N, C-alpha and C. Protein backbone atom coordinates (compact mmCIF):
# COMPACT_ATOMS: atom_id res chain seq x y z
N MET A 1 -11.84 11.91 -16.16
CA MET A 1 -13.28 11.79 -16.10
C MET A 1 -13.75 12.32 -14.74
N ILE A 2 -14.82 13.08 -14.78
CA ILE A 2 -15.37 13.65 -13.55
C ILE A 2 -16.47 12.72 -13.04
N THR A 3 -16.18 12.03 -11.96
CA THR A 3 -17.18 11.16 -11.35
C THR A 3 -18.09 11.99 -10.45
N LYS A 4 -19.15 11.38 -9.96
CA LYS A 4 -20.05 12.07 -9.03
C LYS A 4 -19.30 12.49 -7.78
N ALA A 5 -18.42 11.63 -7.28
CA ALA A 5 -17.64 11.97 -6.08
C ALA A 5 -16.76 13.19 -6.33
N VAL A 6 -16.12 13.27 -7.49
CA VAL A 6 -15.28 14.42 -7.81
C VAL A 6 -16.15 15.67 -7.97
N ALA A 7 -17.27 15.54 -8.68
CA ALA A 7 -18.19 16.68 -8.86
C ALA A 7 -18.68 17.19 -7.51
N ASP A 8 -19.03 16.28 -6.61
CA ASP A 8 -19.49 16.68 -5.28
C ASP A 8 -18.38 17.41 -4.52
N CYS A 9 -17.16 16.93 -4.63
CA CYS A 9 -16.04 17.57 -3.95
C CYS A 9 -15.80 18.97 -4.50
N ILE A 10 -15.91 19.13 -5.81
CA ILE A 10 -15.76 20.45 -6.42
C ILE A 10 -16.82 21.39 -5.85
N GLU A 11 -18.04 20.92 -5.77
CA GLU A 11 -19.16 21.73 -5.27
C GLU A 11 -18.94 22.13 -3.81
N GLU A 12 -18.34 21.25 -3.01
CA GLU A 12 -18.18 21.48 -1.58
C GLU A 12 -16.88 22.22 -1.23
N SER A 13 -15.98 22.35 -2.19
CA SER A 13 -14.68 22.98 -1.93
C SER A 13 -14.77 24.50 -2.08
N VAL A 14 -13.98 25.21 -1.32
CA VAL A 14 -13.97 26.67 -1.40
C VAL A 14 -12.69 27.20 -2.04
N LEU A 15 -11.75 26.32 -2.30
CA LEU A 15 -10.48 26.70 -2.89
C LEU A 15 -9.94 25.53 -3.69
N CYS A 16 -9.31 25.82 -4.80
CA CYS A 16 -8.63 24.76 -5.54
C CYS A 16 -7.24 25.28 -5.91
N TRP A 17 -6.39 24.38 -6.33
CA TRP A 17 -5.05 24.73 -6.77
C TRP A 17 -4.93 24.33 -8.22
N PHE A 18 -4.50 25.28 -9.04
CA PHE A 18 -4.41 25.11 -10.49
C PHE A 18 -2.94 25.09 -10.86
N ALA A 19 -2.45 23.98 -11.35
CA ALA A 19 -1.03 23.82 -11.63
C ALA A 19 -0.75 23.85 -13.13
N THR A 20 0.25 24.64 -13.50
CA THR A 20 0.72 24.74 -14.87
C THR A 20 2.24 24.63 -14.86
N VAL A 21 2.82 24.61 -16.05
CA VAL A 21 4.28 24.68 -16.16
C VAL A 21 4.65 25.77 -17.15
N SER A 22 5.77 26.40 -16.91
CA SER A 22 6.24 27.48 -17.79
C SER A 22 6.95 26.89 -19.00
N LYS A 23 7.35 27.76 -19.93
CA LYS A 23 8.08 27.26 -21.10
C LYS A 23 9.44 26.72 -20.70
N ASP A 24 9.94 27.12 -19.52
CA ASP A 24 11.20 26.58 -18.98
C ASP A 24 10.96 25.34 -18.12
N VAL A 25 9.75 24.84 -18.13
CA VAL A 25 9.31 23.67 -17.38
C VAL A 25 9.36 23.89 -15.87
N ALA A 26 9.20 25.13 -15.45
CA ALA A 26 9.12 25.44 -14.03
C ALA A 26 7.66 25.32 -13.60
N PRO A 27 7.41 24.64 -12.49
CA PRO A 27 6.02 24.48 -12.05
C PRO A 27 5.46 25.78 -11.48
N ASN A 28 4.17 25.94 -11.61
CA ASN A 28 3.46 27.08 -11.03
C ASN A 28 2.13 26.57 -10.49
N VAL A 29 1.87 26.86 -9.24
CA VAL A 29 0.60 26.48 -8.63
C VAL A 29 -0.06 27.75 -8.13
N SER A 30 -1.30 27.93 -8.55
CA SER A 30 -2.03 29.16 -8.21
C SER A 30 -3.34 28.80 -7.53
N PRO A 31 -3.60 29.38 -6.36
CA PRO A 31 -4.89 29.12 -5.70
C PRO A 31 -6.01 29.84 -6.44
N LYS A 32 -7.14 29.18 -6.52
CA LYS A 32 -8.30 29.76 -7.21
C LYS A 32 -9.53 29.63 -6.32
N GLU A 33 -10.30 30.71 -6.24
CA GLU A 33 -11.53 30.70 -5.45
C GLU A 33 -12.78 30.59 -6.30
N ALA A 34 -12.70 30.93 -7.56
CA ALA A 34 -13.86 30.95 -8.44
C ALA A 34 -13.74 29.82 -9.45
N PHE A 35 -14.45 28.74 -9.20
CA PHE A 35 -14.41 27.57 -10.06
C PHE A 35 -15.69 26.79 -9.90
N MET A 36 -16.00 25.98 -10.90
CA MET A 36 -17.20 25.15 -10.82
C MET A 36 -17.16 24.05 -11.87
N TYR A 37 -17.85 22.98 -11.59
CA TYR A 37 -18.05 21.90 -12.55
C TYR A 37 -19.31 22.23 -13.34
N ASP A 38 -19.25 22.11 -14.65
CA ASP A 38 -20.40 22.50 -15.48
C ASP A 38 -21.42 21.38 -15.68
N GLY A 39 -21.14 20.20 -15.15
CA GLY A 39 -22.07 19.08 -15.31
C GLY A 39 -21.90 18.33 -16.61
N ASN A 40 -21.02 18.81 -17.48
CA ASN A 40 -20.81 18.19 -18.79
C ASN A 40 -19.36 17.85 -19.06
N GLY A 41 -18.61 17.59 -17.99
CA GLY A 41 -17.22 17.17 -18.16
C GLY A 41 -16.19 18.27 -18.14
N LYS A 42 -16.62 19.51 -17.93
CA LYS A 42 -15.68 20.63 -17.91
C LYS A 42 -15.68 21.31 -16.54
N ILE A 43 -14.52 21.79 -16.16
CA ILE A 43 -14.38 22.58 -14.94
C ILE A 43 -14.04 24.00 -15.38
N PHE A 44 -14.85 24.95 -14.98
CA PHE A 44 -14.57 26.36 -15.27
C PHE A 44 -13.79 26.94 -14.10
N VAL A 45 -12.69 27.63 -14.40
CA VAL A 45 -11.87 28.28 -13.39
C VAL A 45 -11.67 29.72 -13.83
N ALA A 46 -12.08 30.66 -12.99
CA ALA A 46 -11.91 32.07 -13.33
C ALA A 46 -10.44 32.45 -13.23
N ASN A 47 -9.98 33.21 -14.19
CA ASN A 47 -8.61 33.69 -14.21
C ASN A 47 -8.59 35.10 -13.62
N ILE A 48 -8.44 35.18 -12.32
CA ILE A 48 -8.45 36.46 -11.62
C ILE A 48 -7.04 36.74 -11.12
N ALA A 49 -6.41 37.75 -11.68
CA ALA A 49 -5.07 38.18 -11.25
C ALA A 49 -4.06 37.03 -11.25
N SER A 50 -4.02 36.30 -12.36
CA SER A 50 -3.09 35.16 -12.48
C SER A 50 -2.29 35.25 -13.77
N PRO A 51 -1.38 36.22 -13.86
CA PRO A 51 -0.63 36.38 -15.12
C PRO A 51 0.26 35.19 -15.46
N LYS A 52 0.83 34.52 -14.46
CA LYS A 52 1.69 33.36 -14.76
C LYS A 52 0.87 32.20 -15.29
N THR A 53 -0.30 31.99 -14.72
CA THR A 53 -1.17 30.91 -15.20
C THR A 53 -1.51 31.14 -16.67
N GLN A 54 -1.94 32.33 -16.99
CA GLN A 54 -2.34 32.65 -18.36
C GLN A 54 -1.15 32.52 -19.33
N THR A 55 0.01 33.03 -18.95
CA THR A 55 1.20 32.92 -19.79
C THR A 55 1.60 31.47 -19.98
N ASN A 56 1.59 30.69 -18.90
CA ASN A 56 1.99 29.29 -18.99
C ASN A 56 1.07 28.49 -19.91
N LEU A 57 -0.21 28.82 -19.93
CA LEU A 57 -1.14 28.09 -20.79
C LEU A 57 -0.84 28.31 -22.27
N GLN A 58 -0.14 29.37 -22.60
CA GLN A 58 0.26 29.61 -23.99
C GLN A 58 1.34 28.63 -24.43
N TYR A 59 2.11 28.11 -23.48
CA TYR A 59 3.20 27.19 -23.79
C TYR A 59 2.81 25.73 -23.62
N CYS A 60 1.99 25.47 -22.65
CA CYS A 60 1.58 24.09 -22.37
C CYS A 60 0.17 24.11 -21.81
N ASP A 61 -0.74 23.42 -22.48
CA ASP A 61 -2.13 23.44 -22.05
C ASP A 61 -2.49 22.32 -21.09
N ARG A 62 -1.52 21.49 -20.75
CA ARG A 62 -1.77 20.42 -19.77
C ARG A 62 -1.74 21.01 -18.37
N VAL A 63 -2.75 20.68 -17.57
CA VAL A 63 -2.87 21.24 -16.23
C VAL A 63 -3.31 20.17 -15.23
N CYS A 64 -3.22 20.55 -13.98
CA CYS A 64 -3.72 19.73 -12.89
C CYS A 64 -4.48 20.65 -11.96
N VAL A 65 -5.67 20.23 -11.57
CA VAL A 65 -6.48 21.00 -10.63
C VAL A 65 -6.74 20.09 -9.43
N SER A 66 -6.49 20.62 -8.24
CA SER A 66 -6.65 19.84 -7.02
C SER A 66 -7.69 20.50 -6.12
N PHE A 67 -8.62 19.69 -5.62
CA PHE A 67 -9.68 20.16 -4.73
C PHE A 67 -9.64 19.39 -3.43
N ILE A 68 -9.98 20.04 -2.34
CA ILE A 68 -10.11 19.33 -1.07
C ILE A 68 -11.27 19.93 -0.27
N ASN A 69 -12.07 19.05 0.27
CA ASN A 69 -13.13 19.47 1.19
C ASN A 69 -12.47 19.51 2.57
N VAL A 70 -12.31 20.70 3.12
CA VAL A 70 -11.58 20.85 4.38
C VAL A 70 -12.30 20.21 5.56
N PHE A 71 -13.60 20.01 5.45
CA PHE A 71 -14.35 19.42 6.56
C PHE A 71 -14.23 17.91 6.60
N THR A 72 -14.20 17.27 5.42
CA THR A 72 -14.08 15.81 5.38
C THR A 72 -12.64 15.35 5.18
N GLN A 73 -11.75 16.30 4.84
CA GLN A 73 -10.35 16.01 4.53
C GLN A 73 -10.21 15.01 3.38
N ARG A 74 -11.13 15.10 2.42
CA ARG A 74 -11.09 14.28 1.20
C ARG A 74 -10.92 15.21 0.02
N GLY A 75 -10.14 14.79 -0.94
CA GLY A 75 -9.92 15.63 -2.10
C GLY A 75 -9.62 14.81 -3.34
N TYR A 76 -9.50 15.50 -4.44
CA TYR A 76 -9.24 14.87 -5.73
C TYR A 76 -8.31 15.73 -6.56
N LYS A 77 -7.59 15.06 -7.44
CA LYS A 77 -6.73 15.71 -8.41
C LYS A 77 -7.30 15.37 -9.78
N VAL A 78 -7.47 16.39 -10.60
CA VAL A 78 -7.97 16.19 -11.96
C VAL A 78 -6.93 16.72 -12.93
N GLU A 79 -6.49 15.88 -13.83
CA GLU A 79 -5.53 16.30 -14.85
C GLU A 79 -6.26 16.41 -16.18
N GLY A 80 -5.82 17.35 -17.00
CA GLY A 80 -6.45 17.49 -18.30
C GLY A 80 -5.81 18.57 -19.13
N VAL A 81 -6.54 18.98 -20.14
CA VAL A 81 -6.09 20.02 -21.06
C VAL A 81 -6.96 21.25 -20.85
N ALA A 82 -6.31 22.38 -20.66
CA ALA A 82 -7.02 23.64 -20.41
C ALA A 82 -7.22 24.40 -21.72
N GLN A 83 -8.30 25.14 -21.74
CA GLN A 83 -8.56 26.04 -22.85
C GLN A 83 -8.81 27.41 -22.25
N LEU A 84 -8.01 28.39 -22.65
CA LEU A 84 -8.17 29.75 -22.15
C LEU A 84 -9.26 30.43 -22.97
N LEU A 85 -10.35 30.79 -22.31
CA LEU A 85 -11.45 31.46 -22.99
C LEU A 85 -11.32 32.96 -22.79
N LYS A 86 -11.26 33.69 -23.88
CA LYS A 86 -11.24 35.15 -23.83
C LYS A 86 -12.61 35.66 -24.23
N LYS A 87 -12.84 36.95 -24.04
CA LYS A 87 -14.18 37.53 -24.26
C LYS A 87 -14.83 37.12 -25.57
N HIS A 88 -14.09 36.99 -26.62
CA HIS A 88 -14.68 36.67 -27.91
C HIS A 88 -14.53 35.20 -28.29
N SER A 89 -14.05 34.38 -27.34
CA SER A 89 -13.89 32.96 -27.59
C SER A 89 -15.25 32.26 -27.57
N ARG A 90 -15.35 31.22 -28.36
CA ARG A 90 -16.55 30.39 -28.34
C ARG A 90 -16.66 29.74 -26.96
N GLY A 91 -17.79 29.83 -26.32
CA GLY A 91 -18.01 29.25 -25.01
C GLY A 91 -17.79 30.22 -23.86
N PHE A 92 -17.18 31.38 -24.14
CA PHE A 92 -16.89 32.33 -23.07
C PHE A 92 -18.17 32.81 -22.38
N GLU A 93 -19.16 33.21 -23.15
CA GLU A 93 -20.39 33.77 -22.58
C GLU A 93 -21.04 32.80 -21.60
N ASP A 94 -21.11 31.53 -22.00
CA ASP A 94 -21.73 30.51 -21.13
C ASP A 94 -20.93 30.33 -19.85
N ALA A 95 -19.61 30.16 -19.97
CA ALA A 95 -18.76 29.97 -18.79
C ALA A 95 -18.81 31.20 -17.89
N HIS A 96 -18.73 32.38 -18.49
CA HIS A 96 -18.76 33.62 -17.73
C HIS A 96 -20.08 33.77 -16.98
N ALA A 97 -21.18 33.50 -17.65
CA ALA A 97 -22.50 33.62 -17.02
C ALA A 97 -22.64 32.68 -15.83
N LYS A 98 -22.14 31.46 -15.96
CA LYS A 98 -22.23 30.49 -14.87
C LYS A 98 -21.39 30.92 -13.67
N LEU A 99 -20.19 31.42 -13.93
CA LEU A 99 -19.34 31.87 -12.82
C LEU A 99 -19.91 33.13 -12.17
N VAL A 100 -20.43 34.06 -12.95
CA VAL A 100 -21.02 35.28 -12.39
C VAL A 100 -22.24 34.93 -11.56
N ALA A 101 -23.03 33.96 -12.01
CA ALA A 101 -24.21 33.54 -11.23
C ALA A 101 -23.78 32.97 -9.87
N MET A 102 -22.60 32.36 -9.83
CA MET A 102 -22.13 31.74 -8.60
C MET A 102 -21.47 32.76 -7.65
N ILE A 103 -20.62 33.66 -8.21
CA ILE A 103 -19.82 34.55 -7.34
C ILE A 103 -20.13 36.03 -7.50
N GLY A 104 -20.98 36.38 -8.45
CA GLY A 104 -21.24 37.78 -8.70
C GLY A 104 -20.27 38.35 -9.71
N ASP A 105 -20.39 39.63 -10.00
CA ASP A 105 -19.52 40.22 -11.02
C ASP A 105 -18.49 41.19 -10.45
N VAL A 106 -18.11 40.98 -9.21
CA VAL A 106 -17.12 41.83 -8.56
C VAL A 106 -15.77 41.76 -9.27
N PHE A 107 -15.42 40.58 -9.77
CA PHE A 107 -14.12 40.40 -10.40
C PHE A 107 -14.20 40.59 -11.90
């Protein structure tokens, strides 16, 4: 569950760590710069140059996302189930538009 404190931390953080596991159960942690809380219980994370993350999600959709506000040294870990949205996936347009509004369309 995303509390107000977690949502605030997501908003104030500039980097998060997205953890997955491979089909061989090897851990993978990937830093992400483009992410946001949608206000409705979902965290959008842009998949920019992360082939292992994308491949791992095909085997196991359970993930962990960790955020830290470097100025307050407070952070949170959020565990859940990821859904990989592709261009023609339901919900892609909304998630994509929100991320582009935040970071632009450079990526």
